[in-house]
Amino acid sequence: MTYVKICSIDTVPAGSLKSFQINGKEILIINDNGNLYCLQGRCAHAGAPLVEGTVDNQVLTCPWHGSKFNITSGELVKGPAKIGLKKYNLVINSDFVYGEIE
């Protein structure tokens, strides 16, 4: 799998969520206290834009129906969603964020 450039690291400051269109997919990058995570950008339940969600204790809460997902793994913590989110690997190189987005 190859990595694609997503953004400059400064685009996603600590405590923020940013959405990007990469290879026809909406992805979400979360900066949780300087740690970056990348998940699919739409909720697995009803397609809500997760960029409008909130993160607390490494749990992302969907803005529409309250499904909760672990940001480190994408695993479902609490429904109504029935499945977790796709997680993408990230690397930082020369102040840019690259993702393993197929």
PDB file of N, CA and C in Angstrom:
ATOM      1  N   MET A   1       0.854  -1.179   0.000  1.00  0.00           N
ATOM      2  CA  MET A   1       0.000   0.000   0.000  1.00  0.00           C
ATOM      3  C   MET A   1       0.894   1.234   0.000  1.00  0.00           C
ATOM      4  N   THR A   2       0.508   2.240  -0.717  1.00  0.00           N
ATOM      5  CA  THR A   2       1.280   3.474  -0.761  1.00  0.00           C
ATOM      6  C   THR A   2       0.584   4.554   0.066  1.00  0.00           C
ATOM      7  N   TYR A   3       1.385   5.467   0.533  1.00  0.00           N
ATOM      8  CA  TYR A   3       0.869   6.584   1.327  1.00  0.00           C
ATOM      9  C   TYR A   3       0.653   7.793   0.424  1.00  0.00           C
ATOM     10  N   VAL A   4      -0.425   8.532   0.687  1.00  0.00           N
ATOM     11  CA  VAL A   4      -0.721   9.738  -0.076  1.00  0.00           C
ATOM     12  C   VAL A   4      -0.661  10.943   0.857  1.00  0.00           C
ATOM     13  N   LYS A   5      -0.186  12.053   0.307  1.00  0.00           N
ATOM     14  CA  LYS A   5      -0.104  13.274   1.108  1.00  0.00           C
ATOM     15  C   LYS A   5      -1.515  13.790   1.369  1.00  0.00           C
ATOM     16  N   ILE A   6      -1.793  14.069   2.638  1.00  0.00           N
ATOM     17  CA  ILE A   6      -3.116  14.562   3.020  1.00  0.00           C
ATOM     18  C   ILE A   6      -3.081  16.063   3.283  1.00  0.00           C
ATOM     19  N   CYS A   7      -2.134  16.497   4.125  1.00  0.00           N
ATOM     20  CA  CYS A   7      -2.105  17.900   4.503  1.00  0.00           C
ATOM     21  C   CYS A   7      -0.801  18.219   5.233  1.00  0.00           C
ATOM     22  N   SER A   8      -0.593  19.490   5.479  1.00  0.00           N
ATOM     23  CA  SER A   8       0.506  19.918   6.339  1.00  0.00           C
ATOM     24  C   SER A   8       0.088  19.643   7.783  1.00  0.00           C
ATOM     25  N   ILE A   9       1.041  19.341   8.634  1.00  0.00           N
ATOM     26  CA  ILE A   9       0.724  19.036  10.030  1.00  0.00           C
ATOM     27  C   ILE A   9       0.054  20.218  10.725  1.00  0.00           C
ATOM     28  N   ASP A  10       0.363  21.440  10.288  1.00  0.00           N
ATOM     29  CA  ASP A  10      -0.232  22.639  10.890  1.00  0.00           C
ATOM     30  C   ASP A  10      -1.716  22.783  10.573  1.00  0.00           C
ATOM     31  N   THR A  11      -2.208  22.058   9.588  1.00  0.00           N
ATOM     32  CA  THR A  11      -3.619  22.123   9.198  1.00  0.00           C
ATOM     33  C   THR A  11      -4.528  21.534  10.269  1.00  0.00           C
ATOM     34  N   VAL A  12      -3.972  20.639  11.105  1.00  0.00           N
ATOM     35  CA  VAL A  12      -4.771  19.949  12.124  1.00  0.00           C
ATOM     36  C   VAL A  12      -4.155  20.229  13.503  1.00  0.00           C
ATOM     37  N   PRO A  13      -4.435  21.419  14.080  1.00  0.00           N
ATOM     38  CA  PRO A  13      -3.855  21.743  15.379  1.00  0.00           C
ATOM     39  C   PRO A  13      -4.424  20.865  16.501  1.00  0.00           C
ATOM     40  N   ALA A  14      -3.714  20.822  17.613  1.00  0.00           N
ATOM     41  CA  ALA A  14      -4.144  20.011  18.764  1.00  0.00           C
ATOM     42  C   ALA A  14      -5.587  20.337  19.132  1.00  0.00           C
ATOM     43  N   GLY A  15      -6.361  19.285  19.396  1.00  0.00           N
ATOM     44  CA  GLY A  15      -7.755  19.431  19.790  1.00  0.00           C
ATOM     45  C   GLY A  15      -8.731  19.585  18.641  1.00  0.00           C
ATOM     46  N   SER A  16      -8.246  19.470  17.399  1.00  0.00           N
ATOM     47  CA  SER A  16      -9.144  19.685  16.262  1.00  0.00           C
ATOM     48  C   SER A  16      -9.424  18.409  15.477  1.00  0.00           C
ATOM     49  N   LEU A  17     -10.486  18.477  14.693  1.00  0.00           N
ATOM     50  CA  LEU A  17     -10.877  17.432  13.757  1.00  0.00           C
ATOM     51  C   LEU A  17     -10.973  18.092  12.393  1.00  0.00           C
ATOM     52  N   LYS A  18     -10.421  17.460  11.369  1.00  0.00           N
ATOM     53  CA  LYS A  18     -10.480  18.011  10.008  1.00  0.00           C
ATOM     54  C   LYS A  18     -10.875  16.905   9.043  1.00  0.00           C
ATOM     55  N   SER A  19     -11.696  17.266   8.078  1.00  0.00           N
ATOM     56  CA  SER A  19     -12.173  16.323   7.073  1.00  0.00           C
ATOM     57  C   SER A  19     -11.468  16.591   5.745  1.00  0.00           C
ATOM     58  N   PHE A  20     -11.143  15.514   5.023  1.00  0.00           N
ATOM     59  CA  PHE A  20     -10.468  15.609   3.729  1.00  0.00           C
ATOM     60  C   PHE A  20     -11.065  14.603   2.760  1.00  0.00           C
ATOM     61  N   GLN A  21     -11.050  14.942   1.474  1.00  0.00           N
ATOM     62  CA  GLN A  21     -11.438  14.010   0.413  1.00  0.00           C
ATOM     63  C   GLN A  21     -10.152  13.457  -0.186  1.00  0.00           C
ATOM     64  N   ILE A  22      -9.922  12.166  -0.034  1.00  0.00           N
ATOM     65  CA  ILE A  22      -8.716  11.519  -0.542  1.00  0.00           C
ATOM     66  C   ILE A  22      -9.125  10.272  -1.327  1.00  0.00           C
ATOM     67  N   ASN A  23      -8.699  10.189  -2.575  1.00  0.00           N
ATOM     68  CA  ASN A  23      -9.012   9.028  -3.420  1.00  0.00           C
ATOM     69  C   ASN A  23     -10.503   8.689  -3.413  1.00  0.00           C
ATOM     70  N   GLY A  24     -11.341   9.713  -3.440  1.00  0.00           N
ATOM     71  CA  GLY A  24     -12.789   9.500  -3.473  1.00  0.00           C
ATOM     72  C   GLY A  24     -13.409   9.128  -2.149  1.00  0.00           C
ATOM     73  N   LYS A  25     -12.626   9.191  -1.055  1.00  0.00           N
ATOM     74  CA  LYS A  25     -13.138   8.844   0.268  1.00  0.00           C
ATOM     75  C   LYS A  25     -13.079  10.071   1.173  1.00  0.00           C
ATOM     76  N   GLU A  26     -14.086  10.210   2.022  1.00  0.00           N
ATOM     77  CA  GLU A  26     -14.031  11.252   3.034  1.00  0.00           C
ATOM     78  C   GLU A  26     -13.348  10.663   4.257  1.00  0.00           C
ATOM     79  N   ILE A  27     -12.258  11.289   4.670  1.00  0.00           N
ATOM     80  CA  ILE A  27     -11.538  10.810   5.848  1.00  0.00           C
ATOM     81  C   ILE A  27     -11.484  11.915   6.892  1.00  0.00           C
ATOM     82  N   LEU A  28     -11.271  11.511   8.121  1.00  0.00           N
ATOM     83  CA  LEU A  28     -11.219  12.420   9.251  1.00  0.00           C
ATOM     84  C   LEU A  28      -9.872  12.269   9.931  1.00  0.00           C
ATOM     85  N   ILE A  29      -9.199  13.394  10.148  1.00  0.00           N
ATOM     86  CA  ILE A  29      -7.976  13.371  10.948  1.00  0.00           C
ATOM     87  C   ILE A  29      -8.287  14.069  12.262  1.00  0.00           C
ATOM     88  N   ILE A  30      -7.908  13.413  13.341  1.00  0.00           N
ATOM     89  CA  ILE A  30      -8.132  13.919  14.694  1.00  0.00           C
ATOM     90  C   ILE A  30      -6.775  14.169  15.326  1.00  0.00           C
ATOM     91  N   ASN A  31      -6.587  15.364  15.877  1.00  0.00           N
ATOM     92  CA  ASN A  31      -5.381  15.654  16.638  1.00  0.00           C
ATOM     93  C   ASN A  31      -5.788  15.681  18.105  1.00  0.00           C
ATOM     94  N   ASP A  32      -5.462  14.614  18.812  1.00  0.00           N
ATOM     95  CA  ASP A  32      -5.799  14.469  20.225  1.00  0.00           C
ATOM     96  C   ASP A  32      -4.523  14.679  21.033  1.00  0.00           C
ATOM     97  N   ASN A  33      -4.345  15.890  21.550  1.00  0.00           N
ATOM     98  CA  ASN A  33      -3.161  16.234  22.348  1.00  0.00           C
ATOM     99  C   ASN A  33      -1.856  15.939  21.618  1.00  0.00           C
ATOM    100  N   GLY A  34      -1.806  16.247  20.325  1.00  0.00           N
ATOM    101  CA  GLY A  34      -0.586  16.052  19.549  1.00  0.00           C
ATOM    102  C   GLY A  34      -0.457  14.686  18.901  1.00  0.00           C
ATOM    103  N   ASN A  35      -1.358  13.776  19.207  1.00  0.00           N
ATOM    104  CA  ASN A  35      -1.378  12.455  18.569  1.00  0.00           C
ATOM    105  C   ASN A  35      -2.408  12.478  17.450  1.00  0.00           C
ATOM    106  N   LEU A  36      -1.987  12.081  16.247  1.00  0.00           N
ATOM    107  CA  LEU A  36      -2.882  12.108  15.093  1.00  0.00           C
ATOM    108  C   LEU A  36      -3.479  10.735  14.821  1.00  0.00           C
ATOM    109  N   TYR A  37      -4.764  10.724  14.503  1.00  0.00           N
ATOM    110  CA  TYR A  37      -5.498   9.511  14.164  1.00  0.00           C
ATOM    111  C   TYR A  37      -6.304   9.782  12.903  1.00  0.00           C
ATOM    112  N   CYS A  38      -6.518   8.756  12.110  1.00  0.00           N
ATOM    113  CA  CYS A  38      -7.253   8.912  10.861  1.00  0.00           C
ATOM    114  C   CYS A  38      -8.314   7.817  10.747  1.00  0.00           C
ATOM    115  N   LEU A  39      -9.555   8.241  10.569  1.00  0.00           N
ATOM    116  CA  LEU A  39     -10.700   7.329  10.464  1.00  0.00           C
ATOM    117  C   LEU A  39     -11.546   7.723   9.259  1.00  0.00           C
ATOM    118  N   GLN A  40     -12.459   6.824   8.880  1.00  0.00           N
ATOM    119  CA  GLN A  40     -13.416   7.212   7.843  1.00  0.00           C
ATOM    120  C   GLN A  40     -14.179   8.423   8.348  1.00  0.00           C
ATOM    121  N   GLY A  41     -14.586   9.286   7.442  1.00  0.00           N
ATOM    122  CA  GLY A  41     -15.166  10.565   7.810  1.00  0.00           C
ATOM    123  C   GLY A  41     -16.662  10.585   8.034  1.00  0.00           C
ATOM    124  N   ARG A  42     -17.327   9.489   7.718  1.00  0.00           N
ATOM    125  CA  ARG A  42     -18.784   9.415   7.890  1.00  0.00           C
ATOM    126  C   ARG A  42     -19.142   8.288   8.846  1.00  0.00           C
ATOM    127  N   CYS A  43     -20.136   8.530   9.689  1.00  0.00           N
ATOM    128  CA  CYS A  43     -20.560   7.534  10.680  1.00  0.00           C
ATOM    129  C   CYS A  43     -21.073   6.272   9.985  1.00  0.00           C
ATOM    130  N   ALA A  44     -20.742   5.140  10.563  1.00  0.00           N
ATOM    131  CA  ALA A  44     -21.157   3.841  10.031  1.00  0.00           C
ATOM    132  C   ALA A  44     -22.658   3.603  10.218  1.00  0.00           C
ATOM    133  N   HIS A  45     -23.325   4.417  11.020  1.00  0.00           N
ATOM    134  CA  HIS A  45     -24.752   4.235  11.284  1.00  0.00           C
ATOM    135  C   HIS A  45     -25.623   4.931  10.238  1.00  0.00           C
ATOM    136  N   ALA A  46     -25.510   6.262  10.147  1.00  0.00           N
ATOM    137  CA  ALA A  46     -26.399   7.006   9.246  1.00  0.00           C
ATOM    138  C   ALA A  46     -25.661   8.014   8.371  1.00  0.00           C
ATOM    139  N   GLY A  47     -24.346   7.904   8.325  1.00  0.00           N
ATOM    140  CA  GLY A  47     -23.576   8.754   7.424  1.00  0.00           C
ATOM    141  C   GLY A  47     -23.335  10.168   7.908  1.00  0.00           C
ATOM    142  N   ALA A  48     -23.462  10.418   9.191  1.00  0.00           N
ATOM    143  CA  ALA A  48     -23.226  11.762   9.727  1.00  0.00           C
ATOM    144  C   ALA A  48     -21.783  12.189   9.489  1.00  0.00           C
ATOM    145  N   PRO A  49     -21.558  13.489   9.267  1.00  0.00           N
ATOM    146  CA  PRO A  49     -20.190  13.997   9.112  1.00  0.00           C
ATOM    147  C   PRO A  49     -19.491  14.031  10.477  1.00  0.00           C
ATOM    148  N   LEU A  50     -18.554  13.130  10.669  1.00  0.00           N
ATOM    149  CA  LEU A  50     -17.916  13.003  11.976  1.00  0.00           C
ATOM    150  C   LEU A  50     -17.037  14.186  12.337  1.00  0.00           C
ATOM    151  N   VAL A  51     -16.682  15.013  11.359  1.00  0.00           N
ATOM    152  CA  VAL A  51     -15.911  16.226  11.642  1.00  0.00           C
ATOM    153  C   VAL A  51     -16.699  17.150  12.584  1.00  0.00           C
ATOM    154  N   GLU A  52     -18.018  16.988  12.632  1.00  0.00           N
ATOM    155  CA  GLU A  52     -18.862  17.779  13.527  1.00  0.00           C
ATOM    156  C   GLU A  52     -19.020  17.134  14.897  1.00  0.00           C
ATOM    157  N   GLY A  53     -18.382  15.979  15.103  1.00  0.00           N
ATOM    158  CA  GLY A  53     -18.462  15.269  16.370  1.00  0.00           C
ATOM    159  C   GLY A  53     -17.528  15.852  17.419  1.00  0.00           C
ATOM    160  N   THR A  54     -17.482  15.180  18.565  1.00  0.00           N
ATOM    161  CA  THR A  54     -16.609  15.603  19.658  1.00  0.00           C
ATOM    162  C   THR A  54     -15.737  14.432  20.087  1.00  0.00           C
ATOM    163  N   VAL A  55     -14.569  14.763  20.662  1.00  0.00           N
ATOM    164  CA  VAL A  55     -13.648  13.743  21.169  1.00  0.00           C
ATOM    165  C   VAL A  55     -13.420  13.992  22.649  1.00  0.00           C
ATOM    166  N   ASP A  56     -13.550  12.919  23.438  1.00  0.00           N
ATOM    167  CA  ASP A  56     -13.284  12.987  24.872  1.00  0.00           C
ATOM    168  C   ASP A  56     -12.719  11.642  25.316  1.00  0.00           C
ATOM    169  N   ASN A  57     -11.556  11.656  25.956  1.00  0.00           N
ATOM    170  CA  ASN A  57     -10.921  10.419  26.426  1.00  0.00           C
ATOM    171  C   ASN A  57     -10.761   9.391  25.313  1.00  0.00           C
ATOM    172  N   GLN A  58     -10.301   9.838  24.159  1.00  0.00           N
ATOM    173  CA  GLN A  58     -10.044   8.999  22.986  1.00  0.00           C
ATOM    174  C   GLN A  58     -11.303   8.343  22.429  1.00  0.00           C
ATOM    175  N   VAL A  59     -12.456   8.955  22.689  1.00  0.00           N
ATOM    176  CA  VAL A  59     -13.724   8.460  22.140  1.00  0.00           C
ATOM    177  C   VAL A  59     -14.364   9.575  21.315  1.00  0.00           C
ATOM    178  N   LEU A  60     -14.647   9.254  20.061  1.00  0.00           N
ATOM    179  CA  LEU A  60     -15.324  10.167  19.133  1.00  0.00           C
ATOM    180  C   LEU A  60     -16.825   9.908  19.214  1.00  0.00           C
ATOM    181  N   THR A  61     -17.589  10.962  19.436  1.00  0.00           N
ATOM    182  CA  THR A  61     -19.046  10.848  19.507  1.00  0.00           C
ATOM    183  C   THR A  61     -19.669  11.465  18.258  1.00  0.00           C
ATOM    184  N   CYS A  62     -20.506  10.682  17.586  1.00  0.00           N
ATOM    185  CA  CYS A  62     -21.196  11.132  16.380  1.00  0.00           C
ATOM    186  C   CYS A  62     -22.170  12.255  16.730  1.00  0.00           C
ATOM    187  N   PRO A  63     -22.216  13.312  15.890  1.00  0.00           N
ATOM    188  CA  PRO A  63     -23.085  14.447  16.190  1.00  0.00           C
ATOM    189  C   PRO A  63     -24.582  14.184  15.998  1.00  0.00           C
ATOM    190  N   TRP A  64     -24.947  13.170  15.245  1.00  0.00           N
ATOM    191  CA  TRP A  64     -26.362  12.945  14.969  1.00  0.00           C
ATOM    192  C   TRP A  64     -27.058  12.044  15.976  1.00  0.00           C
ATOM    193  N   HIS A  65     -26.545  10.854  16.207  1.00  0.00           N
ATOM    194  CA  HIS A  65     -27.256   9.895  17.046  1.00  0.00           C
ATOM    195  C   HIS A  65     -26.442   9.393  18.233  1.00  0.00           C
ATOM    196  N   GLY A  66     -25.238   9.937  18.417  1.00  0.00           N
ATOM    197  CA  GLY A  66     -24.463   9.632  19.613  1.00  0.00           C
ATOM    198  C   GLY A  66     -23.653   8.349  19.605  1.00  0.00           C
ATOM    199  N   SER A  67     -23.508   7.695  18.451  1.00  0.00           N
ATOM    200  CA  SER A  67     -22.630   6.518  18.420  1.00  0.00           C
ATOM    201  C   SER A  67     -21.236   6.953  18.862  1.00  0.00           C
ATOM    202  N   LYS A  68     -20.517   6.040  19.506  1.00  0.00           N
ATOM    203  CA  LYS A  68     -19.190   6.349  20.031  1.00  0.00           C
ATOM    204  C   LYS A  68     -18.174   5.362  19.474  1.00  0.00           C
ATOM    205  N   PHE A  69     -16.996   5.901  19.104  1.00  0.00           N
ATOM    206  CA  PHE A  69     -15.947   5.109  18.486  1.00  0.00           C
ATOM    207  C   PHE A  69     -14.604   5.430  19.137  1.00  0.00           C
ATOM    208  N   ASN A  70     -13.780   4.405  19.332  1.00  0.00           N
ATOM    209  CA  ASN A  70     -12.428   4.597  19.837  1.00  0.00           C
ATOM    210  C   ASN A  70     -11.581   5.190  18.717  1.00  0.00           C
ATOM    211  N   ILE A  71     -10.932   6.331  18.968  1.00  0.00           N
ATOM    212  CA  ILE A  71     -10.185   6.984  17.893  1.00  0.00           C
ATOM    213  C   ILE A  71      -8.875   6.278  17.564  1.00  0.00           C
ATOM    214  N   THR A  72      -8.352   5.461  18.474  1.00  0.00           N
ATOM    215  CA  THR A  72      -7.088   4.778  18.201  1.00  0.00           C
ATOM    216  C   THR A  72      -7.264   3.556  17.319  1.00  0.00           C
ATOM    217  N   SER A  73      -8.475   2.991  17.308  1.00  0.00           N
ATOM    218  CA  SER A  73      -8.713   1.742  16.565  1.00  0.00           C
ATOM    219  C   SER A  73      -9.901   1.803  15.614  1.00  0.00           C
ATOM    220  N   GLY A  74     -10.809   2.747  15.825  1.00  0.00           N
ATOM    221  CA  GLY A  74     -12.043   2.808  15.056  1.00  0.00           C
ATOM    222  C   GLY A  74     -13.133   1.906  15.611  1.00  0.00           C
ATOM    223  N   GLU A  75     -12.820   1.141  16.653  1.00  0.00           N
ATOM    224  CA  GLU A  75     -13.786   0.190  17.209  1.00  0.00           C
ATOM    225  C   GLU A  75     -15.004   0.896  17.783  1.00  0.00           C
ATOM    226  N   LEU A  76     -16.147   0.256  17.619  1.00  0.00           N
ATOM    227  CA  LEU A  76     -17.401   0.752  18.166  1.00  0.00           C
ATOM    228  C   LEU A  76     -17.364   0.626  19.685  1.00  0.00           C
ATOM    229  N   VAL A  77     -17.692   1.716  20.381  1.00  0.00           N
ATOM    230  CA  VAL A  77     -17.770   1.719  21.840  1.00  0.00           C
ATOM    231  C   VAL A  77     -19.225   1.627  22.272  1.00  0.00           C
ATOM    232  N   LYS A  78     -20.112   2.366  21.545  1.00  0.00           N
ATOM    233  CA  LYS A  78     -21.536   2.386  21.892  1.00  0.00           C
ATOM    234  C   LYS A  78     -22.339   2.745  20.651  1.00  0.00           C
ATOM    235  N   GLY A  79     -23.461   2.049  20.450  1.00  0.00           N
ATOM    236  CA  GLY A  79     -24.333   2.287  19.309  1.00  0.00           C
ATOM    237  C   GLY A  79     -25.162   3.530  19.470  1.00  0.00           C
ATOM    238  N   PRO A  80     -26.013   3.763  18.459  1.00  0.00           N
ATOM    239  CA  PRO A  80     -26.746   2.812  17.646  1.00  0.00           C
ATOM    240  C   PRO A  80     -25.992   2.200  16.459  1.00  0.00           C
ATOM    241  N   ALA A  81     -24.810   2.700  16.102  1.00  0.00           N
ATOM    242  CA  ALA A  81     -24.059   2.043  15.018  1.00  0.00           C
ATOM    243  C   ALA A  81     -23.833   0.578  15.399  1.00  0.00           C
ATOM    244  N   LYS A  82     -23.752  -0.272  14.398  1.00  0.00           N
ATOM    245  CA  LYS A  82     -23.545  -1.712  14.629  1.00  0.00           C
ATOM    246  C   LYS A  82     -22.098  -2.137  14.361  1.00  0.00           C
ATOM    247  N   ILE A  83     -21.352  -1.296  13.631  1.00  0.00           N
ATOM    248  CA  ILE A  83     -19.962  -1.617  13.299  1.00  0.00           C
ATOM    249  C   ILE A  83     -19.080  -0.398  13.567  1.00  0.00           C
ATOM    250  N   GLY A  84     -17.791  -0.652  13.665  1.00  0.00           N
ATOM    251  CA  GLY A  84     -16.832   0.418  13.892  1.00  0.00           C
ATOM    252  C   GLY A  84     -16.500   1.165  12.609  1.00  0.00           C
ATOM    253  N   LEU A  85     -15.504   2.022  12.718  1.00  0.00           N
ATOM    254  CA  LEU A  85     -15.049   2.847  11.603  1.00  0.00           C
ATOM    255  C   LEU A  85     -13.757   2.291  11.028  1.00  0.00           C
ATOM    256  N   LYS A  86     -13.545   2.495   9.747  1.00  0.00           N
ATOM    257  CA  LYS A  86     -12.289   2.138   9.100  1.00  0.00           C
ATOM    258  C   LYS A  86     -11.202   3.066   9.643  1.00  0.00           C
ATOM    259  N   LYS A  87     -10.083   2.468  10.059  1.00  0.00           N
ATOM    260  CA  LYS A  87      -8.938   3.235  10.544  1.00  0.00           C
ATOM    261  C   LYS A  87      -7.854   3.192   9.477  1.00  0.00           C
ATOM    262  N   TYR A  88      -7.205   4.329   9.265  1.00  0.00           N
ATOM    263  CA  TYR A  88      -6.118   4.424   8.290  1.00  0.00           C
ATOM    264  C   TYR A  88      -4.818   4.754   9.007  1.00  0.00           C
ATOM    265  N   ASN A  89      -3.732   4.150   8.558  1.00  0.00           N
ATOM    266  CA  ASN A  89      -2.415   4.428   9.123  1.00  0.00           C
ATOM    267  C   ASN A  89      -1.905   5.765   8.619  1.00  0.00           C
ATOM    268  N   LEU A  90      -1.213   6.477   9.492  1.00  0.00           N
ATOM    269  CA  LEU A  90      -0.629   7.770   9.149  1.00  0.00           C
ATOM    270  C   LEU A  90       0.867   7.759   9.409  1.00  0.00           C
ATOM    271  N   VAL A  91       1.595   8.578   8.654  1.00  0.00           N
ATOM    272  CA  VAL A  91       2.995   8.867   8.943  1.00  0.00           C
ATOM    273  C   VAL A  91       3.190  10.375   8.756  1.00  0.00           C
ATOM    274  N   ILE A  92       4.153  10.913   9.494  1.00  0.00           N
ATOM    275  CA  ILE A  92       4.518  12.317   9.369  1.00  0.00           C
ATOM    276  C   ILE A  92       5.906  12.362   8.762  1.00  0.00           C
ATOM    277  N   ASN A  93       6.061  13.175   7.719  1.00  0.00           N
ATOM    278  CA  ASN A  93       7.361  13.309   7.063  1.00  0.00           C
ATOM    279  C   ASN A  93       7.501  14.750   6.587  1.00  0.00           C
ATOM    280  N   SER A  94       8.552  15.418   7.043  1.00  0.00           N
ATOM    281  CA  SER A  94       8.821  16.806   6.635  1.00  0.00           C
ATOM    282  C   SER A  94       7.609  17.718   6.843  1.00  0.00           C
ATOM    283  N   ASP A  95       6.984  17.597   8.014  1.00  0.00           N
ATOM    284  CA  ASP A  95       5.831  18.432   8.407  1.00  0.00           C
ATOM    285  C   ASP A  95       4.581  18.196   7.571  1.00  0.00           C
ATOM    286  N   PHE A  96       4.526  17.077   6.871  1.00  0.00           N
ATOM    287  CA  PHE A  96       3.302  16.716   6.151  1.00  0.00           C
ATOM    288  C   PHE A  96       2.760  15.392   6.680  1.00  0.00           C
ATOM    289  N   VAL A  97       1.448  15.264   6.618  1.00  0.00           N
ATOM    290  CA  VAL A  97       0.757  14.048   7.057  1.00  0.00           C
ATOM    291  C   VAL A  97       0.439  13.225   5.817  1.00  0.00           C
ATOM    292  N   TYR A  98       0.824  11.958   5.853  1.00  0.00           N
ATOM    293  CA  TYR A  98       0.546  11.015   4.773  1.00  0.00           C
ATOM    294  C   TYR A  98      -0.313   9.888   5.333  1.00  0.00           C
ATOM    295  N   GLY A  99      -1.272   9.446   4.539  1.00  0.00           N
ATOM    296  CA  GLY A  99      -2.153   8.367   4.968  1.00  0.00           C
ATOM    297  C   GLY A  99      -2.108   7.188   4.021  1.00  0.00           C
ATOM    298  N   GLU A 100      -2.281   6.008   4.589  1.00  0.00           N
ATOM    299  CA  GLU A 100      -2.347   4.779   3.797  1.00  0.00           C
ATOM    300  C   GLU A 100      -3.814   4.583   3.398  1.00  0.00           C
ATOM    301  N   ILE A 101      -4.231   5.340   2.406  1.00  0.00           N
ATOM    302  CA  ILE A 101      -5.622   5.360   1.947  1.00  0.00           C
ATOM    303  C   ILE A 101      -5.708   4.619   0.613  1.00  0.00           C
ATOM    304  N   GLU A 102      -6.416   3.498   0.600  1.00  0.00           N
ATOM    305  CA  GLU A 102      -6.517   2.737  -0.646  1.00  0.00           C
ATOM    306  C   GLU A 102      -7.490   3.383  -1.594  1.00  0.00           C
TER     307      GLU A 102
END
